[in-house]
């Protein structure tokens, strides 16, 4: 199904920024607010396009029919995180796209009414081939362009303590040399947690193919 997720996310954010979300008044748990927004966006899409596979948790992502995961995080935090499955994803990417909403939540009282508004500040869409670690892919691309061999790459993986044993590092090094891979724009720890640093992607000003931003 051909869906322009950025266009839909912008429409969604404009609508949701205009209405009240009073059931979130006083809620300080960022995970709870994030899940609320993610579910709202899922419903928004399903109301327009029907079933997008959201009930299928086999892939572990929110929109398996679109090979996309949804994340929402507060402007106060300005980063979102999620577990990686394995070390290969640090170099070759998650294998699915990301759409990330950055919001500002405001609680206030008006005429004894407890009110809550959610204003969306940024929306970022990152295609799957851009979801690897920024520093690691930058270094490996430079090494490969400079003519590094398998031993050089294995040595780098060891020095950076990339998770995996000698056999796995050799297999990853062979794959790096055999096939092209692209610069990633996430930050991935060796504890297999990815983080999206919004300042980095926003400063790209939509000049990099595969990384798209909307700023309200």
N, C-alpha and C. Protein backbone atom coordinates (compact mmCIF):
# COMPACT_ATOMS: atom_id res chain seq x y z
N UNK A 1 0.84 -1.20 0.00
CA UNK A 1 0.00 0.00 0.00
C UNK A 1 0.88 1.25 0.00
N UNK A 2 0.58 2.17 -0.90
CA UNK A 2 1.39 3.39 -1.04
C UNK A 2 0.79 4.49 -0.17
N UNK A 3 1.42 4.75 0.98
CA UNK A 3 0.94 5.77 1.91
C UNK A 3 2.09 6.74 2.18
N UNK A 4 1.82 8.04 2.04
CA UNK A 4 2.81 9.06 2.37
C UNK A 4 2.73 9.30 3.87
N UNK A 5 3.61 8.63 4.62
CA UNK A 5 3.52 8.68 6.08
C UNK A 5 3.82 10.07 6.64
N UNK A 6 4.75 10.77 6.02
CA UNK A 6 5.04 12.13 6.50
C UNK A 6 3.80 13.01 6.33
N UNK A 7 3.18 12.94 5.17
CA UNK A 7 1.96 13.74 4.94
C UNK A 7 0.88 13.39 5.95
N UNK A 8 0.69 12.09 6.18
CA UNK A 8 -0.34 11.66 7.13
C UNK A 8 0.02 12.08 8.55
N UNK A 9 1.31 11.99 8.90
CA UNK A 9 1.74 12.37 10.25
C UNK A 9 1.57 13.86 10.49
N UNK A 10 1.82 14.67 9.46
CA UNK A 10 1.62 16.12 9.59
C UNK A 10 0.15 16.43 9.79
N UNK A 11 -0.72 15.80 9.00
CA UNK A 11 -2.16 16.02 9.17
C UNK A 11 -2.61 15.59 10.57
N UNK A 12 -2.13 14.43 11.00
CA UNK A 12 -2.45 13.93 12.34
C UNK A 12 -2.01 14.91 13.42
N UNK A 13 -0.79 15.41 13.31
CA UNK A 13 -0.25 16.29 14.34
C UNK A 13 -1.01 17.61 14.38
N UNK A 14 -1.42 18.11 13.22
CA UNK A 14 -2.18 19.36 13.18
C UNK A 14 -3.54 19.18 13.87
N UNK A 15 -4.18 18.05 13.61
CA UNK A 15 -5.48 17.78 14.23
C UNK A 15 -5.36 17.60 15.74
N UNK A 16 -4.38 16.80 16.16
CA UNK A 16 -4.25 16.49 17.58
C UNK A 16 -3.76 17.67 18.41
N UNK A 17 -3.07 18.61 17.77
CA UNK A 17 -2.59 19.79 18.48
C UNK A 17 -3.72 20.78 18.77
N UNK A 18 -4.85 20.60 18.07
CA UNK A 18 -5.97 21.53 18.24
C UNK A 18 -6.96 21.09 19.31
N UNK A 19 -6.89 19.82 19.71
CA UNK A 19 -7.90 19.31 20.63
C UNK A 19 -7.30 19.04 22.01
N UNK A 20 -8.17 18.80 22.97
CA UNK A 20 -7.73 18.51 24.33
C UNK A 20 -7.55 17.01 24.54
N UNK A 21 -6.60 16.69 25.39
CA UNK A 21 -6.33 15.30 25.77
C UNK A 21 -6.35 15.23 27.30
N UNK A 22 -7.53 15.56 27.84
CA UNK A 22 -7.62 15.76 29.29
C UNK A 22 -7.39 14.49 30.10
N UNK A 23 -7.50 13.33 29.47
CA UNK A 23 -7.20 12.08 30.18
C UNK A 23 -5.71 11.96 30.51
N UNK A 24 -4.90 12.83 29.92
CA UNK A 24 -3.46 12.82 30.21
C UNK A 24 -3.07 13.91 31.23
N UNK A 25 -4.05 14.64 31.73
CA UNK A 25 -3.72 15.68 32.71
C UNK A 25 -3.02 15.05 33.91
N UNK A 26 -1.88 15.63 34.29
CA UNK A 26 -1.13 15.16 35.44
C UNK A 26 -0.26 13.95 35.18
N UNK A 27 -0.34 13.37 33.99
CA UNK A 27 0.48 12.19 33.68
C UNK A 27 1.90 12.63 33.38
N UNK A 28 2.85 12.12 34.11
CA UNK A 28 4.27 12.47 33.92
C UNK A 28 5.08 11.32 33.35
N UNK A 29 4.47 10.17 33.22
CA UNK A 29 5.15 8.99 32.67
C UNK A 29 5.26 9.14 31.15
N UNK A 30 6.48 9.43 30.67
CA UNK A 30 6.68 9.65 29.25
C UNK A 30 6.31 8.44 28.41
N UNK A 31 6.53 7.25 28.95
CA UNK A 31 6.19 6.04 28.20
C UNK A 31 4.69 5.94 27.98
N UNK A 32 3.93 6.30 29.01
CA UNK A 32 2.47 6.25 28.90
C UNK A 32 1.96 7.25 27.87
N UNK A 33 2.50 8.45 27.91
CA UNK A 33 2.10 9.48 26.93
C UNK A 33 2.50 9.04 25.52
N UNK A 34 3.72 8.51 25.39
CA UNK A 34 4.19 8.05 24.09
C UNK A 34 3.32 6.96 23.52
N UNK A 35 2.95 5.99 24.35
CA UNK A 35 2.09 4.90 23.89
C UNK A 35 0.72 5.43 23.46
N UNK A 36 0.20 6.41 24.20
CA UNK A 36 -1.08 7.03 23.87
C UNK A 36 -1.02 7.64 22.47
N UNK A 37 0.05 8.39 22.17
CA UNK A 37 0.20 9.03 20.87
C UNK A 37 0.36 7.99 19.77
N UNK A 38 1.17 6.97 20.03
CA UNK A 38 1.39 5.92 19.04
C UNK A 38 0.09 5.22 18.67
N UNK A 39 -0.74 4.91 19.68
CA UNK A 39 -2.02 4.25 19.43
C UNK A 39 -2.97 5.17 18.67
N UNK A 40 -2.95 6.47 19.01
CA UNK A 40 -3.80 7.43 18.30
C UNK A 40 -3.43 7.49 16.81
N UNK A 41 -2.15 7.48 16.51
CA UNK A 41 -1.72 7.55 15.11
C UNK A 41 -2.08 6.26 14.37
N UNK A 42 -1.92 5.13 15.03
CA UNK A 42 -2.35 3.87 14.43
C UNK A 42 -3.82 3.92 14.05
N UNK A 43 -4.65 4.38 14.98
CA UNK A 43 -6.10 4.45 14.72
C UNK A 43 -6.41 5.45 13.60
N UNK A 44 -5.70 6.58 13.61
CA UNK A 44 -5.87 7.58 12.56
C UNK A 44 -5.64 6.97 11.18
N UNK A 45 -4.58 6.19 11.05
CA UNK A 45 -4.27 5.56 9.76
C UNK A 45 -5.28 4.48 9.41
N UNK A 46 -5.66 3.68 10.40
CA UNK A 46 -6.60 2.59 10.13
C UNK A 46 -7.99 3.12 9.75
N UNK A 47 -8.38 4.25 10.34
CA UNK A 47 -9.67 4.85 9.98
C UNK A 47 -9.68 5.28 8.51
N UNK A 48 -8.51 5.62 7.97
CA UNK A 48 -8.43 6.08 6.59
C UNK A 48 -8.15 4.95 5.60
N UNK A 49 -7.32 3.98 6.04
CA UNK A 49 -6.83 2.97 5.09
C UNK A 49 -7.20 1.54 5.44
N UNK A 50 -7.87 1.34 6.57
CA UNK A 50 -8.20 -0.01 6.96
C UNK A 50 -7.05 -0.70 7.69
N UNK A 51 -7.11 -2.00 7.76
CA UNK A 51 -6.13 -2.78 8.52
C UNK A 51 -4.74 -2.64 7.93
N UNK A 52 -3.80 -2.21 8.77
CA UNK A 52 -2.39 -2.09 8.36
C UNK A 52 -1.53 -3.10 9.11
N UNK A 53 -2.17 -4.14 9.62
CA UNK A 53 -1.42 -5.18 10.30
C UNK A 53 -1.02 -4.84 11.71
N UNK A 54 -1.68 -3.85 12.31
CA UNK A 54 -1.28 -3.44 13.66
C UNK A 54 -1.53 -4.53 14.69
N UNK A 55 -2.42 -5.46 14.38
CA UNK A 55 -2.69 -6.54 15.32
C UNK A 55 -1.66 -7.64 15.25
N UNK A 56 -0.77 -7.58 14.26
CA UNK A 56 0.24 -8.62 14.09
C UNK A 56 1.52 -8.20 14.78
N UNK A 57 1.83 -8.80 15.91
CA UNK A 57 3.01 -8.40 16.68
C UNK A 57 4.24 -9.21 16.33
N UNK A 58 4.17 -10.03 15.29
CA UNK A 58 5.30 -10.92 14.95
C UNK A 58 6.57 -10.13 14.68
N UNK A 59 6.43 -8.99 14.02
CA UNK A 59 7.61 -8.18 13.70
C UNK A 59 8.03 -7.30 14.86
N UNK A 60 7.15 -7.12 15.83
CA UNK A 60 7.49 -6.28 16.97
C UNK A 60 7.50 -4.80 16.67
N UNK A 61 6.82 -4.39 15.59
CA UNK A 61 6.75 -2.97 15.24
C UNK A 61 5.28 -2.58 15.11
N UNK A 62 5.01 -1.27 15.18
CA UNK A 62 3.64 -0.78 15.25
C UNK A 62 2.86 -0.92 13.95
N UNK A 63 3.55 -0.75 12.82
CA UNK A 63 2.88 -0.81 11.52
C UNK A 63 3.57 -1.83 10.62
N UNK A 64 3.41 -3.12 10.91
CA UNK A 64 4.12 -4.13 10.12
C UNK A 64 3.73 -4.11 8.65
N UNK A 65 2.48 -3.71 8.35
CA UNK A 65 2.07 -3.63 6.96
C UNK A 65 2.83 -2.59 6.17
N UNK A 66 3.39 -1.60 6.88
CA UNK A 66 4.19 -0.53 6.25
C UNK A 66 5.66 -0.63 6.63
N UNK A 67 6.01 -1.72 7.33
CA UNK A 67 7.39 -1.94 7.79
C UNK A 67 7.93 -0.72 8.53
N UNK A 68 7.11 -0.19 9.44
CA UNK A 68 7.45 1.06 10.12
C UNK A 68 7.08 0.97 11.60
N UNK A 69 7.95 1.50 12.45
CA UNK A 69 7.66 1.60 13.87
C UNK A 69 7.41 3.06 14.23
N UNK A 70 6.52 3.28 15.19
CA UNK A 70 6.16 4.64 15.62
C UNK A 70 6.77 4.89 16.99
N UNK A 71 7.38 6.07 17.17
CA UNK A 71 7.89 6.47 18.47
C UNK A 71 7.44 7.90 18.75
N UNK A 72 7.17 8.18 20.02
CA UNK A 72 6.81 9.54 20.43
C UNK A 72 7.59 9.87 21.69
N UNK A 73 8.13 11.07 21.74
CA UNK A 73 8.94 11.46 22.89
C UNK A 73 8.76 12.95 23.19
N UNK A 74 8.94 13.32 24.43
CA UNK A 74 8.74 14.70 24.86
C UNK A 74 9.85 15.61 24.36
N UNK A 75 9.52 16.86 24.10
CA UNK A 75 10.52 17.86 23.71
C UNK A 75 11.55 18.06 24.81
N UNK A 76 11.17 17.76 26.05
CA UNK A 76 12.09 17.89 27.17
C UNK A 76 13.22 16.88 27.05
N UNK A 77 12.90 15.69 26.55
CA UNK A 77 13.90 14.63 26.43
C UNK A 77 14.65 14.72 25.11
N UNK A 78 13.92 14.99 24.04
CA UNK A 78 14.47 15.15 22.69
C UNK A 78 15.24 13.94 22.19
N UNK A 79 14.94 12.79 22.69
CA UNK A 79 15.49 11.59 22.10
C UNK A 79 14.57 10.43 22.45
N UNK A 80 14.61 9.43 21.61
CA UNK A 80 13.80 8.25 21.84
C UNK A 80 14.72 7.05 21.79
N UNK A 81 14.35 5.99 22.47
CA UNK A 81 15.23 4.81 22.47
C UNK A 81 14.41 3.54 22.38
N UNK A 82 15.08 2.48 21.96
CA UNK A 82 14.43 1.20 21.79
C UNK A 82 15.52 0.13 21.69
N UNK A 83 15.22 -1.09 22.11
CA UNK A 83 16.24 -2.15 22.00
C UNK A 83 16.53 -2.53 20.55
N UNK A 84 17.78 -2.88 20.29
CA UNK A 84 18.19 -3.54 19.06
C UNK A 84 18.14 -5.04 19.28
N UNK A 85 18.03 -5.81 18.22
CA UNK A 85 18.04 -7.26 18.36
C UNK A 85 19.44 -7.83 18.37
N UNK A 86 20.33 -7.27 17.51
CA UNK A 86 21.68 -7.84 17.41
C UNK A 86 22.65 -6.79 16.88
N UNK A 87 23.94 -7.12 16.95
CA UNK A 87 24.99 -6.17 16.60
C UNK A 87 24.98 -5.79 15.12
N UNK A 88 24.50 -6.67 14.26
CA UNK A 88 24.48 -6.37 12.83
C UNK A 88 23.64 -5.12 12.55
N UNK A 89 22.60 -4.92 13.35
CA UNK A 89 21.74 -3.77 13.13
C UNK A 89 22.46 -2.45 13.40
N UNK A 90 23.50 -2.51 14.20
CA UNK A 90 24.29 -1.30 14.47
C UNK A 90 24.97 -0.82 13.20
N UNK A 91 25.26 -1.74 12.30
CA UNK A 91 25.99 -1.43 11.07
C UNK A 91 25.07 -1.38 9.86
N UNK A 92 24.13 -2.30 9.78
CA UNK A 92 23.29 -2.42 8.59
C UNK A 92 21.87 -1.88 8.78
N UNK A 93 21.54 -1.43 10.00
CA UNK A 93 20.25 -0.82 10.24
C UNK A 93 19.23 -1.76 10.84
N UNK A 94 18.12 -1.17 11.27
CA UNK A 94 17.06 -1.91 11.96
C UNK A 94 16.35 -2.91 11.08
N UNK A 95 16.25 -2.60 9.79
CA UNK A 95 15.47 -3.45 8.90
C UNK A 95 14.05 -2.94 8.72
N UNK A 96 13.71 -1.84 9.38
CA UNK A 96 12.40 -1.22 9.21
C UNK A 96 12.55 0.29 9.37
N UNK A 97 11.53 1.03 8.92
CA UNK A 97 11.53 2.49 8.99
C UNK A 97 11.10 2.96 10.38
N UNK A 98 11.41 4.22 10.67
CA UNK A 98 10.97 4.85 11.92
C UNK A 98 10.23 6.14 11.62
N UNK A 99 9.13 6.36 12.32
CA UNK A 99 8.50 7.68 12.30
C UNK A 99 8.41 8.13 13.75
N UNK A 100 8.94 9.31 14.04
CA UNK A 100 9.10 9.77 15.42
C UNK A 100 8.42 11.13 15.59
N UNK A 101 7.56 11.21 16.60
CA UNK A 101 6.88 12.45 16.96
C UNK A 101 7.54 13.04 18.20
N UNK A 102 7.90 14.31 18.14
CA UNK A 102 8.41 15.02 19.31
C UNK A 102 7.34 16.02 19.74
N UNK A 103 6.88 15.89 20.97
CA UNK A 103 5.73 16.67 21.43
C UNK A 103 6.05 17.50 22.67
N UNK A 104 5.22 18.49 22.90
CA UNK A 104 5.26 19.28 24.13
C UNK A 104 3.89 19.13 24.80
N UNK A 105 3.88 18.64 26.01
CA UNK A 105 2.63 18.43 26.75
C UNK A 105 2.44 19.57 27.75
N UNK A 106 1.25 20.16 27.73
CA UNK A 106 0.96 21.27 28.64
C UNK A 106 -0.31 20.99 29.43
N UNK A 107 -0.20 21.04 30.75
CA UNK A 107 -1.36 20.91 31.65
C UNK A 107 -1.69 22.29 32.22
N UNK A 108 -2.97 22.59 32.30
CA UNK A 108 -3.37 23.85 32.93
C UNK A 108 -4.83 23.75 33.39
N UNK A 109 -5.22 24.71 34.21
CA UNK A 109 -6.58 24.73 34.75
C UNK A 109 -7.28 26.00 34.27
N UNK A 110 -8.48 25.82 33.76
CA UNK A 110 -9.27 26.94 33.28
C UNK A 110 -10.70 26.76 33.77
N UNK A 111 -11.16 27.73 34.57
CA UNK A 111 -12.51 27.64 35.15
C UNK A 111 -12.74 26.30 35.86
N UNK A 112 -11.75 25.95 36.66
CA UNK A 112 -11.80 24.72 37.45
C UNK A 112 -11.76 23.44 36.61
N UNK A 113 -11.51 23.60 35.33
CA UNK A 113 -11.36 22.43 34.46
C UNK A 113 -9.88 22.08 34.31
N UNK A 114 -9.56 20.81 34.46
CA UNK A 114 -8.20 20.34 34.26
C UNK A 114 -8.02 19.97 32.78
N UNK A 115 -7.16 20.71 32.12
CA UNK A 115 -7.01 20.57 30.67
C UNK A 115 -5.60 20.14 30.30
N UNK A 116 -5.50 19.46 29.19
CA UNK A 116 -4.19 19.01 28.69
C UNK A 116 -4.16 19.18 27.18
N UNK A 117 -3.12 19.82 26.68
CA UNK A 117 -2.89 19.95 25.24
C UNK A 117 -1.57 19.28 24.88
N UNK A 118 -1.51 18.72 23.67
CA UNK A 118 -0.28 18.14 23.14
C UNK A 118 0.06 18.88 21.86
N UNK A 119 1.16 19.58 21.87
CA UNK A 119 1.62 20.29 20.68
C UNK A 119 2.80 19.54 20.08
N UNK A 120 2.69 19.18 18.82
CA UNK A 120 3.76 18.44 18.15
C UNK A 120 4.76 19.43 17.55
N UNK A 121 6.02 19.26 17.90
CA UNK A 121 7.07 20.18 17.49
C UNK A 121 7.84 19.70 16.27
N UNK A 122 8.17 18.41 16.23
CA UNK A 122 8.92 17.84 15.12
C UNK A 122 8.33 16.48 14.75
N UNK A 123 8.45 16.15 13.49
CA UNK A 123 8.17 14.80 13.02
C UNK A 123 9.36 14.39 12.16
N UNK A 124 9.89 13.22 12.44
CA UNK A 124 11.03 12.71 11.67
C UNK A 124 10.69 11.34 11.11
N UNK A 125 10.97 11.15 9.83
CA UNK A 125 10.81 9.84 9.20
C UNK A 125 12.17 9.39 8.70
N UNK A 126 12.61 8.24 9.17
CA UNK A 126 13.91 7.70 8.79
C UNK A 126 13.70 6.36 8.09
N UNK A 127 14.10 6.27 6.84
CA UNK A 127 13.97 5.02 6.10
C UNK A 127 14.96 3.99 6.64
N UNK A 128 14.62 2.73 6.45
CA UNK A 128 15.35 1.64 7.10
C UNK A 128 16.85 1.64 6.80
N UNK A 129 17.24 2.10 5.61
CA UNK A 129 18.67 2.07 5.26
C UNK A 129 19.46 3.18 5.96
N UNK A 130 18.77 4.04 6.73
CA UNK A 130 19.44 5.10 7.48
C UNK A 130 19.36 4.88 8.99
N UNK A 131 18.99 3.68 9.42
CA UNK A 131 18.74 3.44 10.84
C UNK A 131 19.90 2.76 11.57
N UNK A 132 21.10 2.80 10.99
CA UNK A 132 22.28 2.25 11.67
C UNK A 132 22.93 3.33 12.54
N UNK A 133 24.02 2.96 13.20
CA UNK A 133 24.73 3.89 14.09
C UNK A 133 25.53 4.91 13.29
N UNK A 134 25.42 6.16 13.67
CA UNK A 134 26.06 7.25 12.93
C UNK A 134 27.58 7.11 12.89
N UNK A 135 28.20 7.03 14.05
CA UNK A 135 29.67 7.03 14.12
C UNK A 135 30.26 5.76 13.52
N UNK A 136 29.66 4.62 13.82
CA UNK A 136 30.20 3.35 13.33
C UNK A 136 30.14 3.27 11.81
N UNK A 137 29.00 3.64 11.23
CA UNK A 137 28.90 3.57 9.77
C UNK A 137 29.81 4.60 9.11
N UNK A 138 29.94 5.76 9.71
CA UNK A 138 30.84 6.78 9.15
C UNK A 138 32.26 6.26 9.07
N UNK A 139 32.72 5.64 10.16
CA UNK A 139 34.08 5.12 10.20
C UNK A 139 34.27 3.97 9.22
N UNK A 140 33.32 3.04 9.18
CA UNK A 140 33.46 1.87 8.32
C UNK A 140 33.39 2.25 6.84
N UNK A 141 32.57 3.22 6.50
CA UNK A 141 32.51 3.69 5.11
C UNK A 141 33.85 4.31 4.72
N UNK A 142 34.41 5.12 5.62
CA UNK A 142 35.72 5.73 5.35
C UNK A 142 36.81 4.66 5.20
N UNK A 143 36.78 3.66 6.07
CA UNK A 143 37.77 2.58 6.00
C UNK A 143 37.65 1.81 4.69
N UNK A 144 36.42 1.50 4.32
CA UNK A 144 36.19 0.75 3.09
C UNK A 144 36.65 1.54 1.87
N UNK A 145 36.35 2.85 1.85
CA UNK A 145 36.78 3.69 0.73
C UNK A 145 38.30 3.82 0.67
N UNK A 146 38.94 3.68 1.83
CA UNK A 146 40.40 3.80 1.88
C UNK A 146 41.10 2.48 1.58
N UNK A 147 40.31 1.42 1.30
CA UNK A 147 40.90 0.15 0.93
C UNK A 147 41.15 -0.81 2.08
N UNK A 148 40.47 -0.64 3.19
CA UNK A 148 40.66 -1.55 4.33
C UNK A 148 40.32 -2.99 3.93
N UNK A 149 41.04 -3.94 4.53
CA UNK A 149 40.75 -5.35 4.28
C UNK A 149 39.96 -5.93 5.45
N UNK A 150 39.69 -7.23 5.37
CA UNK A 150 38.86 -7.87 6.40
C UNK A 150 39.51 -7.77 7.77
N UNK A 151 40.80 -7.96 7.84
CA UNK A 151 41.49 -7.90 9.13
C UNK A 151 41.40 -6.51 9.75
N UNK A 152 41.49 -5.48 8.92
CA UNK A 152 41.36 -4.11 9.43
C UNK A 152 39.97 -3.90 10.05
N UNK A 153 38.96 -4.39 9.36
CA UNK A 153 37.60 -4.19 9.84
C UNK A 153 37.33 -4.99 11.11
N UNK A 154 37.80 -6.23 11.13
CA UNK A 154 37.64 -7.05 12.34
C UNK A 154 38.33 -6.38 13.53
N UNK A 155 39.51 -5.83 13.29
CA UNK A 155 40.25 -5.14 14.35
C UNK A 155 39.45 -3.94 14.87
N UNK A 156 38.82 -3.20 13.95
CA UNK A 156 38.00 -2.05 14.36
C UNK A 156 36.80 -2.52 15.20
N UNK A 157 36.14 -3.58 14.74
CA UNK A 157 34.98 -4.10 15.49
C UNK A 157 35.40 -4.54 16.89
N UNK A 158 36.57 -5.15 16.98
CA UNK A 158 37.07 -5.57 18.30
C UNK A 158 37.39 -4.35 19.17
N UNK A 159 38.09 -3.38 18.58
CA UNK A 159 38.47 -2.19 19.33
C UNK A 159 37.25 -1.43 19.85
N UNK A 160 36.19 -1.40 19.06
CA UNK A 160 34.97 -0.70 19.45
C UNK A 160 34.07 -1.57 20.33
N UNK A 161 34.51 -2.80 20.58
CA UNK A 161 33.77 -3.75 21.42
C UNK A 161 32.35 -3.98 20.91
N UNK A 162 32.24 -4.08 19.59
CA UNK A 162 30.96 -4.41 19.00
C UNK A 162 30.56 -5.81 19.47
N UNK A 163 29.35 -6.01 19.98
CA UNK A 163 28.96 -7.33 20.49
C UNK A 163 29.13 -8.42 19.44
N UNK A 164 29.63 -9.57 19.88
CA UNK A 164 29.83 -10.70 18.97
C UNK A 164 31.20 -11.33 19.17
N UNK A 165 31.31 -12.60 18.79
CA UNK A 165 32.59 -13.29 18.92
C UNK A 165 33.39 -13.14 17.64
N UNK A 166 34.53 -13.80 17.58
CA UNK A 166 35.44 -13.68 16.43
C UNK A 166 34.78 -14.15 15.14
N UNK A 167 34.01 -15.23 15.23
CA UNK A 167 33.34 -15.75 14.04
C UNK A 167 32.34 -14.73 13.50
N UNK A 168 31.55 -14.15 14.40
CA UNK A 168 30.55 -13.18 13.97
C UNK A 168 31.19 -11.92 13.41
N UNK A 169 32.28 -11.47 14.04
CA UNK A 169 32.97 -10.29 13.53
C UNK A 169 33.53 -10.54 12.13
N UNK A 170 34.05 -11.74 11.90
CA UNK A 170 34.56 -12.07 10.56
C UNK A 170 33.44 -12.09 9.54
N UNK A 171 32.30 -12.62 9.91
CA UNK A 171 31.16 -12.65 8.99
C UNK A 171 30.66 -11.25 8.68
N UNK A 172 30.61 -10.39 9.71
CA UNK A 172 30.19 -9.00 9.49
C UNK A 172 31.18 -8.28 8.59
N UNK A 173 32.48 -8.50 8.82
CA UNK A 173 33.51 -7.85 8.01
C UNK A 173 33.40 -8.27 6.54
N UNK A 174 33.15 -9.54 6.30
CA UNK A 174 32.99 -10.02 4.92
C UNK A 174 31.78 -9.36 4.25
N UNK A 175 30.70 -9.22 5.01
CA UNK A 175 29.49 -8.60 4.46
C UNK A 175 29.72 -7.12 4.17
N UNK A 176 30.46 -6.45 5.05
CA UNK A 176 30.78 -5.03 4.84
C UNK A 176 31.53 -4.85 3.53
N UNK A 177 32.47 -5.74 3.25
CA UNK A 177 33.29 -5.62 2.05
C UNK A 177 32.53 -6.01 0.78
N UNK A 178 31.56 -6.89 0.91
CA UNK A 178 30.86 -7.41 -0.27
C UNK A 178 29.73 -6.54 -0.74
N UNK A 179 29.04 -5.89 0.18
CA UNK A 179 27.85 -5.16 -0.26
C UNK A 179 27.87 -3.73 0.26
N UNK A 180 27.22 -2.82 -0.48
CA UNK A 180 27.17 -1.43 -0.03
C UNK A 180 26.25 -1.27 1.17
N UNK A 181 26.57 -0.33 2.02
CA UNK A 181 25.69 0.06 3.11
C UNK A 181 25.82 1.56 3.26
N UNK A 182 24.88 2.17 3.95
CA UNK A 182 24.82 3.63 3.95
C UNK A 182 25.00 4.22 5.34
N UNK A 183 25.33 5.50 5.34
CA UNK A 183 25.49 6.25 6.58
C UNK A 183 24.20 6.19 7.39
N UNK A 184 24.32 5.77 8.67
CA UNK A 184 23.17 5.76 9.56
C UNK A 184 23.08 7.07 10.32
N UNK A 185 21.93 7.28 10.95
CA UNK A 185 21.72 8.53 11.69
C UNK A 185 21.14 8.31 13.08
N UNK A 186 21.25 7.09 13.60
CA UNK A 186 20.90 6.83 14.99
C UNK A 186 22.18 6.74 15.81
N UNK A 187 22.02 6.74 17.11
CA UNK A 187 23.13 6.47 18.03
C UNK A 187 22.81 5.15 18.72
N UNK A 188 23.69 4.18 18.55
CA UNK A 188 23.44 2.83 19.04
C UNK A 188 24.53 2.43 20.03
N UNK A 189 24.13 2.10 21.24
CA UNK A 189 25.09 1.66 22.24
C UNK A 189 25.42 0.18 22.03
N UNK A 190 26.53 -0.26 22.60
CA UNK A 190 26.88 -1.67 22.53
C UNK A 190 25.98 -2.52 23.42
N UNK A 191 25.15 -1.87 24.23
CA UNK A 191 24.15 -2.60 25.00
C UNK A 191 22.89 -2.83 24.16
N UNK A 192 23.02 -2.54 22.84
CA UNK A 192 21.93 -2.76 21.88
C UNK A 192 20.70 -1.91 22.19
N UNK A 193 20.95 -0.65 22.49
CA UNK A 193 19.87 0.35 22.59
C UNK A 193 20.14 1.43 21.54
N UNK A 194 19.14 1.74 20.72
CA UNK A 194 19.32 2.83 19.79
C UNK A 194 18.71 4.10 20.36
N UNK A 195 19.28 5.23 19.97
CA UNK A 195 18.73 6.53 20.33
C UNK A 195 18.74 7.43 19.10
N UNK A 196 17.70 8.20 18.98
CA UNK A 196 17.64 9.18 17.90
C UNK A 196 17.88 10.55 18.50
N UNK A 197 18.96 11.19 18.08
CA UNK A 197 19.30 12.53 18.56
C UNK A 197 18.74 13.53 17.55
N UNK A 198 17.69 14.22 17.95
CA UNK A 198 16.94 15.02 17.00
C UNK A 198 17.72 16.19 16.43
N UNK A 199 18.59 16.77 17.23
CA UNK A 199 19.36 17.91 16.73
C UNK A 199 20.14 17.53 15.48
N UNK A 200 20.72 16.33 15.50
CA UNK A 200 21.51 15.87 14.35
C UNK A 200 20.66 15.76 13.09
N UNK A 201 19.49 15.12 13.20
CA UNK A 201 18.69 14.91 11.99
C UNK A 201 18.00 16.19 11.54
N UNK A 202 17.62 17.03 12.48
CA UNK A 202 16.96 18.29 12.11
C UNK A 202 17.93 19.20 11.38
N UNK A 203 19.20 19.19 11.80
CA UNK A 203 20.20 20.04 11.16
C UNK A 203 20.53 19.58 9.74
N UNK A 204 20.08 18.39 9.35
CA UNK A 204 20.29 17.93 7.98
C UNK A 204 19.43 18.73 6.99
N UNK A 205 18.38 19.40 7.51
CA UNK A 205 17.53 20.27 6.68
C UNK A 205 16.97 19.55 5.46
N UNK A 206 16.63 18.27 5.64
CA UNK A 206 16.03 17.48 4.56
C UNK A 206 16.94 17.38 3.33
N UNK A 207 18.23 17.45 3.54
CA UNK A 207 19.18 17.37 2.43
C UNK A 207 19.70 15.94 2.21
N UNK A 208 19.38 15.03 3.13
CA UNK A 208 19.86 13.66 3.02
C UNK A 208 18.71 12.74 2.64
N UNK A 209 18.88 12.02 1.55
CA UNK A 209 17.86 11.08 1.11
C UNK A 209 17.64 10.02 2.18
N UNK A 210 16.37 9.81 2.55
CA UNK A 210 16.04 8.79 3.55
C UNK A 210 15.85 9.33 4.94
N UNK A 211 16.10 10.65 5.16
CA UNK A 211 15.87 11.27 6.47
C UNK A 211 15.05 12.54 6.25
N UNK A 212 13.81 12.53 6.72
CA UNK A 212 12.90 13.63 6.42
C UNK A 212 12.34 14.22 7.72
N UNK A 213 12.28 15.55 7.77
CA UNK A 213 11.82 16.24 8.97
C UNK A 213 10.74 17.23 8.64
N UNK A 214 9.81 17.35 9.58
CA UNK A 214 8.80 18.39 9.53
C UNK A 214 8.86 19.12 10.85
N UNK A 215 9.02 20.45 10.79
CA UNK A 215 9.11 21.26 12.01
C UNK A 215 7.90 22.18 12.05
N UNK A 216 7.15 22.16 13.15
CA UNK A 216 5.96 23.00 13.27
C UNK A 216 6.36 24.35 13.88
